[in-house]
């Protein structure tokens, strides 16, 4: 049985968060997270693709967060909120929007923030991701 996309997203955020502080190889870290969540193959594929995509585009994701949260240097953003922002921004910018519409990416990131962050973090994640989404939508309109 599928663990659901919300649990998958929590696993992604925990892995991205832990990656910043890791003392073990990323694969060992991912194996530990997968053992905790016990996802099925379909969920494992989503988790692995999303994590790989975040790290593949990490510089661009950091730049987007920095652009839309200029009052907080990226390095000073709460690490949990930063991981949630990277996941949400990745899904807004790079995910298949037929599978994960941008508004779903934002709403799911907010739900993960509700579980892992505090009220100010929820509002911060919401504001930054909405700005990224608006910018992305405007860029698509100009094409």
C-alpha atoms as a PDB file:
ATOM      1  CA  UNK A   1       0.000   0.000   0.000  1.00  0.00           C
ATOM      2  CA  UNK A   2       1.232   3.488  -0.877  1.00  0.00           C
ATOM      3  CA  UNK A   3       2.298   5.709   2.014  1.00  0.00           C
ATOM      4  CA  UNK A   4       0.890   8.717   0.132  1.00  0.00           C
ATOM      5  CA  UNK A   5       2.539  11.749  -1.367  1.00  0.00           C
ATOM      6  CA  UNK A   6       2.411  13.740   1.874  1.00  0.00           C
ATOM      7  CA  UNK A   7       4.507  11.129   3.679  1.00  0.00           C
ATOM      8  CA  UNK A   8       6.795  10.958   0.638  1.00  0.00           C
ATOM      9  CA  UNK A   9       7.283  14.719   0.816  1.00  0.00           C
ATOM     10  CA  UNK A  10       8.062  14.524   4.527  1.00  0.00           C
ATOM     11  CA  UNK A  11      10.670  11.851   3.701  1.00  0.00           C
ATOM     12  CA  UNK A  12      12.136  14.128   0.997  1.00  0.00           C
ATOM     13  CA  UNK A  13      12.329  17.105   3.368  1.00  0.00           C
ATOM     14  CA  UNK A  14      13.910  15.025   6.132  1.00  0.00           C
ATOM     15  CA  UNK A  15      16.510  13.705   3.696  1.00  0.00           C
ATOM     16  CA  UNK A  16      17.331  17.159   2.275  1.00  0.00           C
ATOM     17  CA  UNK A  17      17.502  18.553   5.827  1.00  0.00           C
ATOM     18  CA  UNK A  18      19.757  15.723   7.031  1.00  0.00           C
ATOM     19  CA  UNK A  19      21.994  16.081   3.969  1.00  0.00           C
ATOM     20  CA  UNK A  20      23.166  19.463   5.281  1.00  0.00           C
ATOM     21  CA  UNK A  21      24.342  17.892   8.532  1.00  0.00           C
ATOM     22  CA  UNK A  22      25.259  14.438   7.333  1.00  0.00           C
ATOM     23  CA  UNK A  23      28.112  12.401   8.579  1.00  0.00           C
ATOM     24  CA  UNK A  24      27.290   9.453   6.356  1.00  0.00           C
ATOM     25  CA  UNK A  25      26.964   8.965   2.591  1.00  0.00           C
ATOM     26  CA  UNK A  26      23.724  10.222   1.019  1.00  0.00           C
ATOM     27  CA  UNK A  27      22.683   6.682   0.038  1.00  0.00           C
ATOM     28  CA  UNK A  28      22.992   5.478   3.647  1.00  0.00           C
ATOM     29  CA  UNK A  29      20.949   8.465   4.755  1.00  0.00           C
ATOM     30  CA  UNK A  30      18.288   7.747   2.140  1.00  0.00           C
ATOM     31  CA  UNK A  31      18.209   4.071   3.122  1.00  0.00           C
ATOM     32  CA  UNK A  32      17.619   5.099   6.750  1.00  0.00           C
ATOM     33  CA  UNK A  33      14.737   7.423   5.764  1.00  0.00           C
ATOM     34  CA  UNK A  34      13.207   4.750   3.510  1.00  0.00           C
ATOM     35  CA  UNK A  35      13.404   2.236   6.351  1.00  0.00           C
ATOM     36  CA  UNK A  36      11.544   4.678   8.595  1.00  0.00           C
ATOM     37  CA  UNK A  37       8.738   5.327   6.072  1.00  0.00           C
ATOM     38  CA  UNK A  38       8.627   1.894   4.381  1.00  0.00           C
ATOM     39  CA  UNK A  39       7.292   3.156   1.035  1.00  0.00           C
ATOM     40  CA  UNK A  40       6.278   0.968  -1.910  1.00  0.00           C
ATOM     41  CA  UNK A  41       8.222   1.021  -5.200  1.00  0.00           C
ATOM     42  CA  UNK A  42       6.139   3.836  -6.744  1.00  0.00           C
ATOM     43  CA  UNK A  43       6.737   6.009  -3.673  1.00  0.00           C
ATOM     44  CA  UNK A  44      10.436   5.119  -3.543  1.00  0.00           C
ATOM     45  CA  UNK A  45      10.787   6.246  -7.159  1.00  0.00           C
ATOM     46  CA  UNK A  46       9.080   9.596  -6.421  1.00  0.00           C
ATOM     47  CA  UNK A  47      11.269  10.149  -3.330  1.00  0.00           C
ATOM     48  CA  UNK A  48      14.508   9.291  -5.161  1.00  0.00           C
ATOM     49  CA  UNK A  49      13.625  11.387  -8.244  1.00  0.00           C
ATOM     50  CA  UNK A  50      12.646  14.383  -6.141  1.00  0.00           C
ATOM     51  CA  UNK A  51      15.763  14.234  -3.980  1.00  0.00           C
ATOM     52  CA  UNK A  52      17.989  13.793  -7.043  1.00  0.00           C
ATOM     53  CA  UNK A  53      16.225  16.686  -8.771  1.00  0.00           C
ATOM     54  CA  UNK A  54      16.619  18.972  -5.769  1.00  0.00           C
ATOM     55  CA  UNK A  55      20.355  18.322  -5.567  1.00  0.00           C
ATOM     56  CA  UNK A  56      20.757  18.558  -9.352  1.00  0.00           C
ATOM     57  CA  UNK A  57      19.116  22.017  -9.330  1.00  0.00           C
ATOM     58  CA  UNK A  58      20.236  23.123  -5.866  1.00  0.00           C
ATOM     59  CA  UNK A  59      22.071  26.241  -7.049  1.00  0.00           C
ATOM     60  CA  UNK A  60      19.016  27.431  -8.998  1.00  0.00           C
ATOM     61  CA  UNK A  61      16.704  26.624  -6.079  1.00  0.00           C
ATOM     62  CA  UNK A  62      18.940  28.572  -3.684  1.00  0.00           C
ATOM     63  CA  UNK A  63      18.931  31.508  -6.101  1.00  0.00           C
ATOM     64  CA  UNK A  64      15.124  31.475  -6.313  1.00  0.00           C
ATOM     65  CA  UNK A  65      14.772  31.369  -2.536  1.00  0.00           C
ATOM     66  CA  UNK A  66      17.302  34.188  -2.191  1.00  0.00           C
ATOM     67  CA  UNK A  67      15.461  36.267  -4.812  1.00  0.00           C
ATOM     68  CA  UNK A  68      12.076  35.932  -3.099  1.00  0.00           C
ATOM     69  CA  UNK A  69      13.261  36.062   0.502  1.00  0.00           C
ATOM     70  CA  UNK A  70      15.787  38.913   0.300  1.00  0.00           C
ATOM     71  CA  UNK A  71      15.269  39.832   3.960  1.00  0.00           C
ATOM     72  CA  UNK A  72      16.773  36.479   5.015  1.00  0.00           C
ATOM     73  CA  UNK A  73      20.041  35.178   3.615  1.00  0.00           C
ATOM     74  CA  UNK A  74      19.485  31.565   2.536  1.00  0.00           C
ATOM     75  CA  UNK A  75      22.076  30.284   5.020  1.00  0.00           C
ATOM     76  CA  UNK A  76      20.131  31.944   7.869  1.00  0.00           C
ATOM     77  CA  UNK A  77      16.756  30.405   6.993  1.00  0.00           C
ATOM     78  CA  UNK A  78      15.706  27.704   9.436  1.00  0.00           C
ATOM     79  CA  UNK A  79      17.119  24.472   7.928  1.00  0.00           C
ATOM     80  CA  UNK A  80      13.744  22.712   8.022  1.00  0.00           C
ATOM     81  CA  UNK A  81      12.042  25.619   6.244  1.00  0.00           C
ATOM     82  CA  UNK A  82      14.911  25.759   3.755  1.00  0.00           C
ATOM     83  CA  UNK A  83      14.461  22.058   2.925  1.00  0.00           C
ATOM     84  CA  UNK A  84      10.695  22.583   2.521  1.00  0.00           C
ATOM     85  CA  UNK A  85      11.332  25.574   0.237  1.00  0.00           C
ATOM     86  CA  UNK A  86      13.748  23.582  -1.919  1.00  0.00           C
ATOM     87  CA  UNK A  87      11.205  20.777  -2.294  1.00  0.00           C
ATOM     88  CA  UNK A  88       8.332  23.150  -3.076  1.00  0.00           C
ATOM     89  CA  UNK A  89      10.377  25.257  -5.474  1.00  0.00           C
ATOM     90  CA  UNK A  90      11.640  22.121  -7.209  1.00  0.00           C
ATOM     91  CA  UNK A  91       8.090  20.883  -7.759  1.00  0.00           C
ATOM     92  CA  UNK A  92       6.945  24.320  -8.987  1.00  0.00           C
ATOM     93  CA  UNK A  93       9.851  24.750 -11.393  1.00  0.00           C
ATOM     94  CA  UNK A  94      10.728  21.238 -12.566  1.00  0.00           C
ATOM     95  CA  UNK A  95       7.976  18.709 -11.819  1.00  0.00           C
ATOM     96  CA  UNK A  96       5.563  17.426 -14.447  1.00  0.00           C
ATOM     97  CA  UNK A  97       2.675  19.840 -13.914  1.00  0.00           C
ATOM     98  CA  UNK A  98       0.186  17.309 -15.251  1.00  0.00           C
ATOM     99  CA  UNK A  99       1.164  15.102 -12.319  1.00  0.00           C
ATOM    100  CA  UNK A 100       1.874  17.833  -9.742  1.00  0.00           C
ATOM    101  CA  UNK A 101       0.187  21.165 -10.537  1.00  0.00           C
ATOM    102  CA  UNK A 102       1.987  24.179  -9.074  1.00  0.00           C
ATOM    103  CA  UNK A 103      -0.813  24.957  -6.625  1.00  0.00           C
ATOM    104  CA  UNK A 104      -0.645  21.374  -5.332  1.00  0.00           C
ATOM    105  CA  UNK A 105       3.128  21.745  -4.859  1.00  0.00           C
ATOM    106  CA  UNK A 106       2.552  24.904  -2.798  1.00  0.00           C
ATOM    107  CA  UNK A 107      -0.282  23.416  -0.746  1.00  0.00           C
ATOM    108  CA  UNK A 108       1.675  20.242  -0.059  1.00  0.00           C
ATOM    109  CA  UNK A 109       4.743  22.225   1.018  1.00  0.00           C
ATOM    110  CA  UNK A 110       2.531  24.205   3.410  1.00  0.00           C
ATOM    111  CA  UNK A 111       1.146  20.946   4.813  1.00  0.00           C
ATOM    112  CA  UNK A 112       4.684  19.656   5.365  1.00  0.00           C
ATOM    113  CA  UNK A 113       5.538  22.972   7.066  1.00  0.00           C
ATOM    114  CA  UNK A 114       2.489  22.541   9.329  1.00  0.00           C
ATOM    115  CA  UNK A 115       3.904  19.204  10.399  1.00  0.00           C
ATOM    116  CA  UNK A 116       7.579  20.127  10.715  1.00  0.00           C
ATOM    117  CA  UNK A 117       7.749  23.887  11.333  1.00  0.00           C
ATOM    118  CA  UNK A 118       6.016  26.632  13.323  1.00  0.00           C
ATOM    119  CA  UNK A 119       3.452  29.325  12.436  1.00  0.00           C
ATOM    120  CA  UNK A 120       6.031  31.836  11.202  1.00  0.00           C
ATOM    121  CA  UNK A 121       7.711  29.118   9.127  1.00  0.00           C
ATOM    122  CA  UNK A 122       4.391  28.155   7.551  1.00  0.00           C
ATOM    123  CA  UNK A 123       3.710  31.771   6.562  1.00  0.00           C
ATOM    124  CA  UNK A 124       7.272  32.206   5.284  1.00  0.00           C
ATOM    125  CA  UNK A 125       7.127  29.044   3.140  1.00  0.00           C
ATOM    126  CA  UNK A 126       3.726  30.068   1.769  1.00  0.00           C
ATOM    127  CA  UNK A 127       4.893  33.579   0.860  1.00  0.00           C
ATOM    128  CA  UNK A 128       8.138  32.537  -0.821  1.00  0.00           C
ATOM    129  CA  UNK A 129       6.601  29.686  -2.818  1.00  0.00           C
ATOM    130  CA  UNK A 130       3.700  31.835  -3.981  1.00  0.00           C
ATOM    131  CA  UNK A 131       6.179  34.457  -5.244  1.00  0.00           C
ATOM    132  CA  UNK A 132       8.202  31.777  -7.053  1.00  0.00           C
ATOM    133  CA  UNK A 133       5.013  30.417  -8.610  1.00  0.00           C
ATOM    134  CA  UNK A 134       3.842  33.877  -9.719  1.00  0.00           C
ATOM    135  CA  UNK A 135       7.230  34.515 -11.325  1.00  0.00           C
ATOM    136  CA  UNK A 136       7.115  31.124 -13.064  1.00  0.00           C
ATOM    137  CA  UNK A 137       3.590  31.738 -14.360  1.00  0.00           C
ATOM    138  CA  UNK A 138       4.572  35.161 -15.708  1.00  0.00           C
ATOM    139  CA  UNK A 139       7.616  33.665 -17.416  1.00  0.00           C
ATOM    140  CA  UNK A 140       5.404  31.023 -19.080  1.00  0.00           C
ATOM    141  CA  UNK A 141       2.978  33.714 -20.273  1.00  0.00           C
ATOM    142  CA  UNK A 142       5.832  35.656 -21.898  1.00  0.00           C
ATOM    143  CA  UNK A 143       6.830  32.612 -23.976  1.00  0.00           C
END
